[in-house]
Amino acid sequence: MTRDEMVEILALAQVDPMRYSVGGDQHESLCLTSEKAAFHVFLSERGSRYEEKVFVTEDAACVYFLKRLFRLAPCSRRV
């Protein structure tokens, strides 16, 4: 999976873009960046990175990012 494919999935799932950032650091969101031939997934808060994981492949980073984001995102449906 590529970042572009992942962004498509997020759009189809109607995930609020304020909850994540792909390609940069966005305050109070889950971020995925590409740095020095590696992919970093982390929570950003007040300029700091928390729970950062580093991946060698884009696919592994995207899969982890989606799993992590959907686990963090509140359910918008009420039963």
PDB file of N, CA and C in Angstrom:
ATOM      1  N   MET A   1       0.849  -1.170   0.000  1.00  0.00           N
ATOM      2  CA  MET A   1       0.000   0.000   0.000  1.00  0.00           C
ATOM      3  C   MET A   1       0.900   1.241   0.000  1.00  0.00           C
ATOM      4  N   THR A   2       0.478   2.237  -0.741  1.00  0.00           N
ATOM      5  CA  THR A   2       1.208   3.505  -0.779  1.00  0.00           C
ATOM      6  C   THR A   2       0.472   4.543   0.053  1.00  0.00           C
ATOM      7  N   ARG A   3       1.139   5.656   0.295  1.00  0.00           N
ATOM      8  CA  ARG A   3       0.482   6.742   1.041  1.00  0.00           C
ATOM      9  C   ARG A   3      -0.723   7.280   0.278  1.00  0.00           C
ATOM     10  N   ASP A   4      -0.620   7.355  -1.041  1.00  0.00           N
ATOM     11  CA  ASP A   4      -1.756   7.837  -1.842  1.00  0.00           C
ATOM     12  C   ASP A   4      -2.963   6.911  -1.703  1.00  0.00           C
ATOM     13  N   GLU A   5      -2.711   5.610  -1.737  1.00  0.00           N
ATOM     14  CA  GLU A   5      -3.807   4.645  -1.561  1.00  0.00           C
ATOM     15  C   GLU A   5      -4.406   4.765  -0.157  1.00  0.00           C
ATOM     16  N   MET A   6      -3.561   4.973   0.824  1.00  0.00           N
ATOM     17  CA  MET A   6      -4.030   5.110   2.194  1.00  0.00           C
ATOM     18  C   MET A   6      -4.898   6.362   2.359  1.00  0.00           C
ATOM     19  N   VAL A   7      -4.480   7.446   1.754  1.00  0.00           N
ATOM     20  CA  VAL A   7      -5.263   8.688   1.825  1.00  0.00           C
ATOM     21  C   VAL A   7      -6.623   8.487   1.173  1.00  0.00           C
ATOM     22  N   GLU A   8      -6.673   7.720   0.096  1.00  0.00           N
ATOM     23  CA  GLU A   8      -7.960   7.394  -0.546  1.00  0.00           C
ATOM     24  C   GLU A   8      -8.873   6.634   0.411  1.00  0.00           C
ATOM     25  N   ILE A   9      -8.309   5.656   1.110  1.00  0.00           N
ATOM     26  CA  ILE A   9      -9.082   4.879   2.085  1.00  0.00           C
ATOM     27  C   ILE A   9      -9.621   5.793   3.177  1.00  0.00           C
ATOM     28  N   LEU A  10      -8.792   6.689   3.672  1.00  0.00           N
ATOM     29  CA  LEU A  10      -9.217   7.614   4.729  1.00  0.00           C
ATOM     30  C   LEU A  10     -10.336   8.529   4.243  1.00  0.00           C
ATOM     31  N   ALA A  11     -10.255   8.973   3.004  1.00  0.00           N
ATOM     32  CA  ALA A  11     -11.306   9.818   2.444  1.00  0.00           C
ATOM     33  C   ALA A  11     -12.611   9.045   2.295  1.00  0.00           C
ATOM     34  N   LEU A  12     -12.520   7.820   1.808  1.00  0.00           N
ATOM     35  CA  LEU A  12     -13.722   6.986   1.658  1.00  0.00           C
ATOM     36  C   LEU A  12     -14.362   6.675   3.011  1.00  0.00           C
ATOM     37  N   ALA A  13     -13.527   6.514   4.033  1.00  0.00           N
ATOM     38  CA  ALA A  13     -14.030   6.227   5.383  1.00  0.00           C
ATOM     39  C   ALA A  13     -14.482   7.503   6.100  1.00  0.00           C
ATOM     40  N   GLN A  14     -14.297   8.637   5.448  1.00  0.00           N
ATOM     41  CA  GLN A  14     -14.688   9.951   5.976  1.00  0.00           C
ATOM     42  C   GLN A  14     -14.043  10.251   7.333  1.00  0.00           C
ATOM     43  N   VAL A  15     -12.754   9.928   7.439  1.00  0.00           N
ATOM     44  CA  VAL A  15     -12.001  10.244   8.654  1.00  0.00           C
ATOM     45  C   VAL A  15     -11.663  11.730   8.621  1.00  0.00           C
ATOM     46  N   ASP A  16     -11.897  12.403   9.718  1.00  0.00           N
ATOM     47  CA  ASP A  16     -11.634  13.838   9.834  1.00  0.00           C
ATOM     48  C   ASP A  16     -10.142  14.107   9.593  1.00  0.00           C
ATOM     49  N   PRO A  17      -9.806  14.909   8.584  1.00  0.00           N
ATOM     50  CA  PRO A  17      -8.406  15.195   8.271  1.00  0.00           C
ATOM     51  C   PRO A  17      -7.650  15.893   9.406  1.00  0.00           C
ATOM     52  N   MET A  18      -8.340  16.407  10.375  1.00  0.00           N
ATOM     53  CA  MET A  18      -7.675  17.035  11.521  1.00  0.00           C
ATOM     54  C   MET A  18      -7.092  15.979  12.467  1.00  0.00           C
ATOM     55  N   ARG A  19      -7.468  14.716  12.299  1.00  0.00           N
ATOM     56  CA  ARG A  19      -6.991  13.641  13.175  1.00  0.00           C
ATOM     57  C   ARG A  19      -5.692  13.009  12.687  1.00  0.00           C
ATOM     58  N   TYR A  20      -5.270  13.348  11.455  1.00  0.00           N
ATOM     59  CA  TYR A  20      -4.069  12.724  10.911  1.00  0.00           C
ATOM     60  C   TYR A  20      -3.337  13.659   9.958  1.00  0.00           C
ATOM     61  N   SER A  21      -2.080  13.320   9.696  1.00  0.00           N
ATOM     62  CA  SER A  21      -1.276  14.058   8.734  1.00  0.00           C
ATOM     63  C   SER A  21      -0.384  13.066   7.994  1.00  0.00           C
ATOM     64  N   VAL A  22      -0.361  13.173   6.688  1.00  0.00           N
ATOM     65  CA  VAL A  22       0.495  12.316   5.866  1.00  0.00           C
ATOM     66  C   VAL A  22       1.494  13.237   5.166  1.00  0.00           C
ATOM     67  N   GLY A  23       2.768  13.083   5.510  1.00  0.00           N
ATOM     68  CA  GLY A  23       3.810  13.878   4.883  1.00  0.00           C
ATOM     69  C   GLY A  23       4.319  15.023   5.727  1.00  0.00           C
ATOM     70  N   GLY A  24       3.699  15.263   6.868  1.00  0.00           N
ATOM     71  CA  GLY A  24       4.147  16.359   7.724  1.00  0.00           C
ATOM     72  C   GLY A  24       3.699  16.168   9.155  1.00  0.00           C
ATOM     73  N   ASP A  25       4.100  17.096   9.984  1.00  0.00           N
ATOM     74  CA  ASP A  25       3.770  17.061  11.407  1.00  0.00           C
ATOM     75  C   ASP A  25       2.606  18.015  11.654  1.00  0.00           C
ATOM     76  N   GLN A  26       1.539  17.505  12.212  1.00  0.00           N
ATOM     77  CA  GLN A  26       0.350  18.316  12.496  1.00  0.00           C
ATOM     78  C   GLN A  26      -0.002  18.146  13.975  1.00  0.00           C
ATOM     79  N   HIS A  27      -0.132  19.235  14.681  1.00  0.00           N
ATOM     80  CA  HIS A  27      -0.397  19.232  16.122  1.00  0.00           C
ATOM     81  C   HIS A  27      -1.621  18.387  16.472  1.00  0.00           C
ATOM     82  N   GLU A  28      -1.474  17.573  17.503  1.00  0.00           N
ATOM     83  CA  GLU A  28      -2.542  16.733  18.039  1.00  0.00           C
ATOM     84  C   GLU A  28      -3.163  15.804  16.995  1.00  0.00           C
ATOM     85  N   SER A  29      -2.302  15.098  16.286  1.00  0.00           N
ATOM     86  CA  SER A  29      -2.789  14.139  15.290  1.00  0.00           C
ATOM     87  C   SER A  29      -1.792  12.993  15.138  1.00  0.00           C
ATOM     88  N   LEU A  30      -2.241  11.959  14.442  1.00  0.00           N
ATOM     89  CA  LEU A  30      -1.362  10.851  14.087  1.00  0.00           C
ATOM     90  C   LEU A  30      -0.679  11.231  12.777  1.00  0.00           C
ATOM     91  N   CYS A  31       0.635  11.112  12.747  1.00  0.00           N
ATOM     92  CA  CYS A  31       1.396  11.575  11.580  1.00  0.00           C
ATOM     93  C   CYS A  31       2.198  10.440  10.954  1.00  0.00           C
ATOM     94  N   LEU A  32       2.355  10.527   9.645  1.00  0.00           N
ATOM     95  CA  LEU A  32       3.224   9.621   8.894  1.00  0.00           C
ATOM     96  C   LEU A  32       4.146  10.487   8.060  1.00  0.00           C
ATOM     97  N   THR A  33       5.449  10.355   8.291  1.00  0.00           N
ATOM     98  CA  THR A  33       6.423  11.119   7.524  1.00  0.00           C
ATOM     99  C   THR A  33       7.466  10.182   6.932  1.00  0.00           C
ATOM    100  N   SER A  34       8.136  10.656   5.910  1.00  0.00           N
ATOM    101  CA  SER A  34       9.224   9.912   5.281  1.00  0.00           C
ATOM    102  C   SER A  34      10.505  10.693   5.559  1.00  0.00           C
ATOM    103  N   GLU A  35      11.436  10.042   6.263  1.00  0.00           N
ATOM    104  CA  GLU A  35      12.679  10.704   6.636  1.00  0.00           C
ATOM    105  C   GLU A  35      13.849   9.731   6.488  1.00  0.00           C
ATOM    106  N   LYS A  36      14.894  10.151   5.794  1.00  0.00           N
ATOM    107  CA  LYS A  36      16.125   9.359   5.672  1.00  0.00           C
ATOM    108  C   LYS A  36      15.862   7.901   5.289  1.00  0.00           C
ATOM    109  N   ALA A  37      15.129   7.688   4.236  1.00  0.00           N
ATOM    110  CA  ALA A  37      14.836   6.341   3.706  1.00  0.00           C
ATOM    111  C   ALA A  37      14.070   5.460   4.689  1.00  0.00           C
ATOM    112  N   ALA A  38      13.308   6.080   5.596  1.00  0.00           N
ATOM    113  CA  ALA A  38      12.468   5.334   6.534  1.00  0.00           C
ATOM    114  C   ALA A  38      11.141   6.073   6.683  1.00  0.00           C
ATOM    115  N   PHE A  39      10.161   5.372   7.195  1.00  0.00           N
ATOM    116  CA  PHE A  39       8.826   5.937   7.388  1.00  0.00           C
ATOM    117  C   PHE A  39       8.525   5.972   8.884  1.00  0.00           C
ATOM    118  N   HIS A  40       8.127   7.136   9.367  1.00  0.00           N
ATOM    119  CA  HIS A  40       7.887   7.349  10.799  1.00  0.00           C
ATOM    120  C   HIS A  40       6.399   7.577  11.037  1.00  0.00           C
ATOM    121  N   VAL A  41       5.853   6.863  12.021  1.00  0.00           N
ATOM    122  CA  VAL A  41       4.463   7.048  12.435  1.00  0.00           C
ATOM    123  C   VAL A  41       4.511   7.432  13.912  1.00  0.00           C
ATOM    124  N   PHE A  42       3.848   8.538  14.251  1.00  0.00           N
ATOM    125  CA  PHE A  42       3.893   9.017  15.627  1.00  0.00           C
ATOM    126  C   PHE A  42       2.695   9.901  15.938  1.00  0.00           C
ATOM    127  N   LEU A  43       2.445  10.061  17.228  1.00  0.00           N
ATOM    128  CA  LEU A  43       1.446  11.010  17.688  1.00  0.00           C
ATOM    129  C   LEU A  43       2.166  12.326  17.913  1.00  0.00           C
ATOM    130  N   SER A  44       1.612  13.414  17.410  1.00  0.00           N
ATOM    131  CA  SER A  44       2.216  14.719  17.579  1.00  0.00           C
ATOM    132  C   SER A  44       1.400  15.533  18.577  1.00  0.00           C
ATOM    133  N   GLU A  45       2.104  16.100  19.540  1.00  0.00           N
ATOM    134  CA  GLU A  45       1.433  16.956  20.516  1.00  0.00           C
ATOM    135  C   GLU A  45       2.413  18.005  21.009  1.00  0.00           C
ATOM    136  N   ARG A  46       2.040  19.256  20.830  1.00  0.00           N
ATOM    137  CA  ARG A  46       2.859  20.388  21.288  1.00  0.00           C
ATOM    138  C   ARG A  46       4.299  20.314  20.790  1.00  0.00           C
ATOM    139  N   GLY A  47       4.460  19.931  19.548  1.00  0.00           N
ATOM    140  CA  GLY A  47       5.785  19.887  18.942  1.00  0.00           C
ATOM    141  C   GLY A  47       6.620  18.672  19.291  1.00  0.00           C
ATOM    142  N   SER A  48       6.069  17.754  20.066  1.00  0.00           N
ATOM    143  CA  SER A  48       6.798  16.546  20.443  1.00  0.00           C
ATOM    144  C   SER A  48       6.183  15.323  19.777  1.00  0.00           C
ATOM    145  N   ARG A  49       7.012  14.297  19.599  1.00  0.00           N
ATOM    146  CA  ARG A  49       6.559  13.036  19.017  1.00  0.00           C
ATOM    147  C   ARG A  49       6.420  11.997  20.127  1.00  0.00           C
ATOM    148  N   TYR A  50       5.319  11.299  20.119  1.00  0.00           N
ATOM    149  CA  TYR A  50       5.069  10.261  21.102  1.00  0.00           C
ATOM    150  C   TYR A  50       4.766   8.943  20.394  1.00  0.00           C
ATOM    151  N   GLU A  51       5.152   7.853  21.033  1.00  0.00           N
ATOM    152  CA  GLU A  51       4.869   6.509  20.538  1.00  0.00           C
ATOM    153  C   GLU A  51       5.326   6.338  19.084  1.00  0.00           C
ATOM    154  N   GLU A  52       6.491   6.862  18.782  1.00  0.00           N
ATOM    155  CA  GLU A  52       7.009   6.817  17.408  1.00  0.00           C
ATOM    156  C   GLU A  52       7.494   5.413  17.039  1.00  0.00           C
ATOM    157  N   LYS A  53       7.108   4.995  15.846  1.00  0.00           N
ATOM    158  CA  LYS A  53       7.554   3.718  15.283  1.00  0.00           C
ATOM    159  C   LYS A  53       8.190   4.036  13.927  1.00  0.00           C
ATOM    160  N   VAL A  54       9.250   3.329  13.606  1.00  0.00           N
ATOM    161  CA  VAL A  54       9.964   3.538  12.344  1.00  0.00           C
ATOM    162  C   VAL A  54       9.863   2.266  11.513  1.00  0.00           C
ATOM    163  N   PHE A  55       9.554   2.450  10.230  1.00  0.00           N
ATOM    164  CA  PHE A  55       9.370   1.326   9.314  1.00  0.00           C
ATOM    165  C   PHE A  55      10.296   1.471   8.112  1.00  0.00           C
ATOM    166  N   VAL A  56      10.745   0.339   7.599  1.00  0.00           N
ATOM    167  CA  VAL A  56      11.618   0.323   6.427  1.00  0.00           C
ATOM    168  C   VAL A  56      10.797   0.463   5.156  1.00  0.00           C
ATOM    169  N   THR A  57       9.576  -0.100   5.139  1.00  0.00           N
ATOM    170  CA  THR A  57       8.756  -0.042   3.925  1.00  0.00           C
ATOM    171  C   THR A  57       7.544   0.859   4.114  1.00  0.00           C
ATOM    172  N   GLU A  58       7.151   1.468   3.022  1.00  0.00           N
ATOM    173  CA  GLU A  58       5.967   2.323   3.014  1.00  0.00           C
ATOM    174  C   GLU A  58       4.712   1.505   3.336  1.00  0.00           C
ATOM    175  N   ASP A  59       4.637   0.305   2.798  1.00  0.00           N
ATOM    176  CA  ASP A  59       3.487  -0.564   3.027  1.00  0.00           C
ATOM    177  C   ASP A  59       3.304  -0.852   4.520  1.00  0.00           C
ATOM    178  N   ALA A  60       4.364  -1.241   5.198  1.00  0.00           N
ATOM    179  CA  ALA A  60       4.274  -1.556   6.629  1.00  0.00           C
ATOM    180  C   ALA A  60       3.847  -0.323   7.434  1.00  0.00           C
ATOM    181  N   ALA A  61       4.382   0.826   7.076  1.00  0.00           N
ATOM    182  CA  ALA A  61       4.025   2.065   7.773  1.00  0.00           C
ATOM    183  C   ALA A  61       2.552   2.407   7.554  1.00  0.00           C
ATOM    184  N   CYS A  62       2.071   2.256   6.334  1.00  0.00           N
ATOM    185  CA  CYS A  62       0.670   2.577   6.018  1.00  0.00           C
ATOM    186  C   CYS A  62      -0.295   1.626   6.730  1.00  0.00           C
ATOM    187  N   VAL A  63       0.028   0.347   6.738  1.00  0.00           N
ATOM    188  CA  VAL A  63      -0.836  -0.627   7.413  1.00  0.00           C
ATOM    189  C   VAL A  63      -0.910  -0.310   8.901  1.00  0.00           C
ATOM    190  N   TYR A  64       0.239  -0.043   9.528  1.00  0.00           N
ATOM    191  CA  TYR A  64       0.260   0.303  10.946  1.00  0.00           C
ATOM    192  C   TYR A  64      -0.522   1.598  11.196  1.00  0.00           C
ATOM    193  N   PHE A  65      -0.304   2.589  10.334  1.00  0.00           N
ATOM    194  CA  PHE A  65      -0.970   3.894  10.465  1.00  0.00           C
ATOM    195  C   PHE A  65      -2.491   3.717  10.456  1.00  0.00           C
ATOM    196  N   LEU A  66      -3.005   2.967   9.490  1.00  0.00           N
ATOM    197  CA  LEU A  66      -4.451   2.750   9.399  1.00  0.00           C
ATOM    198  C   LEU A  66      -4.989   2.026  10.630  1.00  0.00           C
ATOM    199  N   LYS A  67      -4.299   0.972  11.043  1.00  0.00           N
ATOM    200  CA  LYS A  67      -4.740   0.233  12.230  1.00  0.00           C
ATOM    201  C   LYS A  67      -4.737   1.146  13.445  1.00  0.00           C
ATOM    202  N   ARG A  68      -3.709   1.920  13.587  1.00  0.00           N
ATOM    203  CA  ARG A  68      -3.589   2.820  14.736  1.00  0.00           C
ATOM    204  C   ARG A  68      -4.640   3.921  14.689  1.00  0.00           C
ATOM    205  N   LEU A  69      -4.858   4.501  13.535  1.00  0.00           N
ATOM    206  CA  LEU A  69      -5.821   5.591  13.409  1.00  0.00           C
ATOM    207  C   LEU A  69      -7.239   5.115  13.678  1.00  0.00           C
ATOM    208  N   PHE A  70      -7.603   3.975  13.138  1.00  0.00           N
ATOM    209  CA  PHE A  70      -8.960   3.486  13.353  1.00  0.00           C
ATOM    210  C   PHE A  70      -9.169   3.046  14.796  1.00  0.00           C
ATOM    211  N   ARG A  71      -8.103   2.658  15.470  1.00  0.00           N
ATOM    212  CA  ARG A  71      -8.214   2.321  16.884  1.00  0.00           C
ATOM    213  C   ARG A  71      -8.389   3.589  17.715  1.00  0.00           C
ATOM    214  N   LEU A  72      -7.784   4.698  17.291  1.00  0.00           N
ATOM    215  CA  LEU A  72      -7.859   5.955  18.037  1.00  0.00           C
ATOM    216  C   LEU A  72      -9.119   6.749  17.707  1.00  0.00           C
ATOM    217  N   ALA A  73      -9.586   6.633  16.470  1.00  0.00           N
ATOM    218  CA  ALA A  73     -10.729   7.438  16.030  1.00  0.00           C
ATOM    219  C   ALA A  73     -12.005   7.002  16.729  1.00  0.00           C
ATOM    220  N   PRO A  74     -12.773   7.964  17.252  1.00  0.00           N
ATOM    221  CA  PRO A  74     -14.040   7.583  17.885  1.00  0.00           C
ATOM    222  C   PRO A  74     -15.043   7.125  16.847  1.00  0.00           C
ATOM    223  N   CYS A  75     -15.917   6.252  17.257  1.00  0.00           N
ATOM    224  CA  CYS A  75     -16.968   5.755  16.370  1.00  0.00           C
ATOM    225  C   CYS A  75     -17.979   6.862  16.150  1.00  0.00           C
ATOM    226  N   SER A  76     -18.309   7.144  14.888  1.00  0.00           N
ATOM    227  CA  SER A  76     -19.241   8.232  14.605  1.00  0.00           C
ATOM    228  C   SER A  76     -20.694   7.751  14.565  1.00  0.00           C
ATOM    229  N   ARG A  77     -20.878   6.443  14.543  1.00  0.00           N
ATOM    230  CA  ARG A  77     -22.246   5.907  14.490  1.00  0.00           C
ATOM    231  C   ARG A  77     -22.778   5.670  15.892  1.00  0.00           C
ATOM    232  N   ARG A  78     -24.038   5.918  16.052  1.00  0.00           N
ATOM    233  CA  ARG A  78     -24.693   5.612  17.329  1.00  0.00           C
ATOM    234  C   ARG A  78     -25.737   4.541  17.063  1.00  0.00           C
ATOM    235  N   VAL A  79     -25.805   3.600  17.964  1.00  0.00           N
ATOM    236  CA  VAL A  79     -26.751   2.488  17.797  1.00  0.00           C
ATOM    237  C   VAL A  79     -27.950   2.698  18.686  1.00  0.00           C
TER     238      VAL A  79
END
